[in-house]
Amino acid sequence: GQLDVQSTTSYLTIYFMKSKFSIKEVLNIGWEKTKKHFWFFVGVELFVLFVAIMIGSIIQVFGISHPLVIFVVNIVSTIFQMILGMGFLRIVFEVLADRKPSFQMLFSEIQLFWKYVGTSILGAIVSFGPLAIILIIAKSFIALGVRPMPVVLVGAIFGVLAAIFGAIMTLKFQFATYFVIDQKHGPLNALKESFEITQGEILHLVFFMIILGKFLGGLQKRVK
């Protein structure tokens, strides 16, 4: 049945700690909440799309060609999109907790920006740092002309293992930013919480991602 929660992260914690992870229940809850606030979400998505188009069109409208100016505009655009993304998470949390969302919430989490960025960067470093190091070492060997078969084989094995490690850690850290927004956690605590609630649930998360992709694909076909 429906889980009685006060916040999304408490929802996540309770749900993952249950003895059985039900993908069907997750999709049902998400679908019911979305239907209840369907037109609100449509409005939010249209606003976010409008903002993205407006910022992106600045370069074309003003005929900007200087690389530095384009770089600055792109940075501003990225920051603004991240702020909207944080606000959208807040809206989703309010909906999951059966509270009324508002458009103002899109800009309600600006004070958490650096925690959000720090968590995202630290998670990426932990997840793909080993793979990056292996690639750098491999490139160095190639540049030095060192290409004996044993070295290539060992490098390939470690590269595959590092890629698998990165994929697993990405799944385990995917809820970290949720803890930043909902519980105001810093990067370390947010990553730790996300790591803990996904313990033993990696395969379920993989299956969930696959089924969710098919579910959303089916919805797109119906819309078309």
Protein backbone atom coordinates (compact mmCIF):
# COMPACT_ATOMS: atom_id res chain seq x y z
CA GLY A 1 0.00 0.00 0.00
CA GLN A 2 0.93 3.68 0.08
CA LEU A 3 3.73 4.58 2.47
CA ASP A 4 3.02 7.32 4.99
CA VAL A 5 6.06 9.58 4.71
CA GLN A 6 7.02 13.10 5.74
CA SER A 7 9.84 13.48 3.27
CA THR A 8 11.12 11.80 0.15
CA THR A 9 14.33 10.58 1.74
CA SER A 10 12.40 8.92 4.54
CA TYR A 11 10.33 7.35 1.75
CA LEU A 12 13.50 6.09 0.07
CA THR A 13 14.97 4.77 3.30
CA ILE A 14 11.82 2.94 4.32
CA TYR A 15 11.30 1.54 0.84
CA PHE A 16 14.79 0.18 0.36
CA MET A 17 14.88 -1.26 3.86
CA LYS A 18 11.73 -3.29 3.16
CA SER A 19 12.24 -7.02 2.82
CA LYS A 20 11.08 -6.96 -0.79
CA PHE A 21 11.75 -4.26 -3.35
CA SER A 22 8.62 -3.98 -5.53
CA ILE A 23 9.26 -2.27 -8.87
CA LYS A 24 5.54 -2.43 -9.60
CA GLU A 25 4.72 -0.54 -6.40
CA VAL A 26 7.31 2.14 -7.15
CA LEU A 27 5.89 2.71 -10.64
CA ASN A 28 2.31 2.71 -9.34
CA ILE A 29 3.07 5.28 -6.67
CA GLY A 30 4.97 7.49 -9.11
CA TRP A 31 2.23 7.24 -11.73
CA GLU A 32 -0.58 8.03 -9.27
CA LYS A 33 1.26 11.05 -7.88
CA THR A 34 2.01 12.29 -11.39
CA LYS A 35 -1.62 11.94 -12.52
CA LYS A 36 -2.78 13.89 -9.48
CA HIS A 37 -0.57 16.88 -10.40
CA PHE A 38 -0.34 16.25 -14.15
CA TRP A 39 -1.05 19.78 -15.43
CA PHE A 40 1.17 21.32 -12.78
CA PHE A 41 4.08 19.18 -13.95
CA VAL A 42 3.29 20.08 -17.57
CA GLY A 43 3.47 23.77 -16.63
CA VAL A 44 6.76 23.28 -14.81
CA GLU A 45 8.30 21.38 -17.72
CA LEU A 46 7.17 24.03 -20.20
CA PHE A 47 8.66 26.77 -18.03
CA VAL A 48 11.98 24.94 -17.72
CA LEU A 49 12.01 24.34 -21.49
CA PHE A 50 11.21 28.00 -22.15
CA VAL A 51 14.06 29.17 -19.91
CA ALA A 52 16.51 26.77 -21.60
CA ILE A 53 15.48 28.01 -25.06
CA MET A 54 15.71 31.67 -24.05
CA ILE A 55 19.19 31.31 -22.57
CA GLY A 56 20.35 29.25 -25.53
CA SER A 57 19.02 31.78 -28.02
CA ILE A 58 20.95 34.68 -26.48
CA ILE A 59 24.07 33.71 -28.43
CA GLN A 60 22.20 33.55 -31.73
CA VAL A 61 20.07 36.66 -31.23
CA PHE A 62 23.01 38.89 -30.36
CA GLY A 63 25.35 37.21 -32.82
CA ILE A 64 27.88 36.43 -30.12
CA SER A 65 30.98 34.73 -31.48
CA HIS A 66 33.69 35.46 -28.92
CA PRO A 67 34.72 32.14 -27.30
CA LEU A 68 35.03 33.66 -23.80
CA VAL A 69 31.54 35.22 -23.92
CA ILE A 70 30.05 31.97 -25.23
CA PHE A 71 31.81 30.10 -22.43
CA VAL A 72 30.41 32.48 -19.78
CA VAL A 73 26.88 32.23 -21.22
CA ASN A 74 27.11 28.43 -21.20
CA ILE A 75 28.32 28.44 -17.59
CA VAL A 76 25.45 30.71 -16.54
CA SER A 77 23.02 28.49 -18.43
CA THR A 78 24.37 25.36 -16.71
CA ILE A 79 24.14 26.96 -13.26
CA PHE A 80 20.59 28.12 -13.92
CA GLN A 81 19.57 24.68 -15.15
CA MET A 82 21.06 23.11 -12.01
CA ILE A 83 19.11 25.52 -9.79
CA LEU A 84 15.90 24.62 -11.61
CA GLY A 85 16.78 20.94 -11.27
CA MET A 86 17.20 21.36 -7.52
CA GLY A 87 13.87 23.13 -7.33
CA PHE A 88 12.22 20.40 -9.37
CA LEU A 89 13.47 17.84 -6.85
CA ARG A 90 11.86 19.88 -4.09
CA ILE A 91 8.57 19.86 -6.02
CA VAL A 92 8.75 16.09 -6.47
CA PHE A 93 9.44 15.66 -2.76
CA GLU A 94 6.42 17.76 -1.84
CA VAL A 95 4.21 15.75 -4.18
CA LEU A 96 5.46 12.44 -2.75
CA ALA A 97 4.76 13.72 0.76
CA ASP A 98 1.18 14.69 -0.28
CA ARG A 99 1.85 18.40 0.09
CA LYS A 100 0.83 21.06 -2.42
CA PRO A 101 3.68 22.13 -4.74
CA SER A 102 4.17 25.62 -6.16
CA PHE A 103 6.18 27.23 -8.97
CA GLN A 104 8.15 29.25 -6.41
CA MET A 105 9.74 26.01 -5.26
CA LEU A 106 11.78 25.94 -8.47
CA PHE A 107 13.99 28.61 -6.88
CA SER A 108 13.62 27.54 -3.25
CA GLU A 109 16.86 25.54 -2.91
CA ILE A 110 19.44 28.05 -4.15
CA GLN A 111 21.13 28.12 -0.73
CA LEU A 112 22.04 24.45 -1.20
CA PHE A 113 23.73 25.02 -4.55
CA TRP A 114 27.32 24.42 -3.44
CA LYS A 115 26.38 21.33 -1.42
CA TYR A 116 24.57 20.02 -4.50
CA VAL A 117 27.54 20.72 -6.77
CA GLY A 118 30.01 19.31 -4.25
CA THR A 119 28.00 16.12 -3.88
CA SER A 120 27.75 15.65 -7.64
CA ILE A 121 31.48 16.25 -8.17
CA LEU A 122 32.61 14.07 -5.25
CA GLY A 123 30.31 11.26 -6.37
CA ALA A 124 31.73 11.44 -9.90
CA ILE A 125 35.31 11.43 -8.59
CA VAL A 126 34.74 8.38 -6.40
CA SER A 127 32.84 6.56 -9.16
CA PHE A 128 35.07 7.26 -12.14
CA GLY A 129 38.33 8.42 -10.57
CA PRO A 130 39.89 4.92 -10.78
CA LEU A 131 38.94 4.60 -14.46
CA ALA A 132 40.35 8.05 -15.22
CA ILE A 133 43.64 7.15 -13.51
CA ILE A 134 43.91 3.90 -15.49
CA LEU A 135 43.22 5.72 -18.76
CA ILE A 136 45.89 8.33 -17.94
CA ILE A 137 48.42 5.60 -17.14
CA ALA A 138 47.52 3.73 -20.33
CA LYS A 139 47.93 6.89 -22.40
CA SER A 140 51.31 7.51 -20.77
CA PHE A 141 52.50 4.00 -21.66
CA ILE A 142 51.33 4.46 -25.25
CA ALA A 143 53.12 7.83 -25.47
CA LEU A 144 56.31 6.17 -24.21
CA GLY A 145 55.94 3.38 -26.75
CA VAL A 146 55.49 0.70 -24.06
CA ARG A 147 53.04 -1.80 -25.55
CA PRO A 148 54.01 -5.36 -24.50
CA MET A 149 51.07 -7.77 -24.51
CA PRO A 150 51.10 -8.47 -20.71
CA VAL A 151 50.88 -4.74 -19.97
CA VAL A 152 48.05 -4.26 -22.48
CA LEU A 153 46.16 -7.26 -21.07
CA VAL A 154 46.52 -6.12 -17.46
CA GLY A 155 45.50 -2.59 -18.41
CA ALA A 156 42.42 -3.87 -20.24
CA ILE A 157 41.36 -6.02 -17.27
CA PHE A 158 41.78 -3.17 -14.78
CA GLY A 159 40.00 -0.82 -17.17
CA VAL A 160 36.96 -3.11 -17.39
CA LEU A 161 36.92 -3.58 -13.61
CA ALA A 162 37.16 0.18 -13.07
CA ALA A 163 34.28 0.77 -15.51
CA ILE A 164 32.12 -1.79 -13.70
CA PHE A 165 33.04 -0.20 -10.37
CA GLY A 166 32.07 3.21 -11.74
CA ALA A 167 28.70 1.96 -12.96
CA ILE A 168 27.92 0.33 -9.60
CA MET A 169 28.93 3.39 -7.61
CA THR A 170 26.85 5.60 -9.90
CA LEU A 171 23.81 3.50 -9.02
CA LYS A 172 24.64 3.60 -5.31
CA PHE A 173 25.18 7.37 -5.29
CA GLN A 174 22.17 8.28 -7.44
CA PHE A 175 20.09 9.36 -4.42
CA ALA A 176 22.81 11.51 -2.84
CA THR A 177 21.49 14.80 -4.22
CA TYR A 178 18.05 13.85 -2.87
CA PHE A 179 19.51 13.89 0.64
CA VAL A 180 21.11 17.26 -0.06
CA ILE A 181 17.79 18.83 -1.02
CA ASP A 182 15.49 17.08 1.43
CA GLN A 183 17.73 16.70 4.48
CA LYS A 184 20.26 19.51 3.82
CA HIS A 185 23.14 17.02 4.07
CA GLY A 186 26.64 17.91 2.97
CA PRO A 187 28.44 15.87 0.27
CA LEU A 188 29.94 13.20 2.52
CA ASN A 189 26.77 12.48 4.50
CA ALA A 190 24.62 12.57 1.38
CA LEU A 191 26.82 10.04 -0.42
CA LYS A 192 26.98 7.87 2.70
CA GLU A 193 23.18 7.83 3.08
CA SER A 194 22.66 7.00 -0.59
CA PHE A 195 25.27 4.23 -0.36
CA GLU A 196 23.58 2.71 2.70
CA ILE A 197 19.98 2.67 1.45
CA THR A 198 21.02 0.93 -1.78
CA GLN A 199 22.94 -1.86 -0.05
CA GLY A 200 21.98 -5.18 -1.63
CA GLU A 201 19.67 -3.48 -4.13
CA ILE A 202 21.95 -2.99 -7.16
CA LEU A 203 20.31 -5.66 -9.31
CA HIS A 204 16.86 -4.36 -8.39
CA LEU A 205 17.95 -0.86 -9.38
CA VAL A 206 19.27 -2.10 -12.72
CA PHE A 207 16.01 -3.92 -13.44
CA PHE A 208 14.07 -0.86 -12.30
CA MET A 209 15.98 1.39 -14.71
CA ILE A 210 15.31 -1.01 -17.59
CA ILE A 211 11.60 -1.32 -16.80
CA LEU A 212 11.27 2.42 -16.22
CA GLY A 213 12.85 3.06 -19.61
CA LYS A 214 10.37 0.70 -21.28
CA PHE A 215 7.51 2.26 -19.30
CA LEU A 216 8.41 5.80 -20.38
CA GLY A 217 8.99 4.60 -23.93
CA GLY A 218 5.50 3.14 -23.96
CA LEU A 219 4.04 6.40 -22.71
CA GLN A 220 5.81 8.34 -25.49
CA LYS A 221 4.36 6.00 -28.11
CA ARG A 222 0.86 6.51 -26.67
CA VAL A 223 1.30 10.28 -26.73
CA LYS A 224 2.42 10.17 -30.38
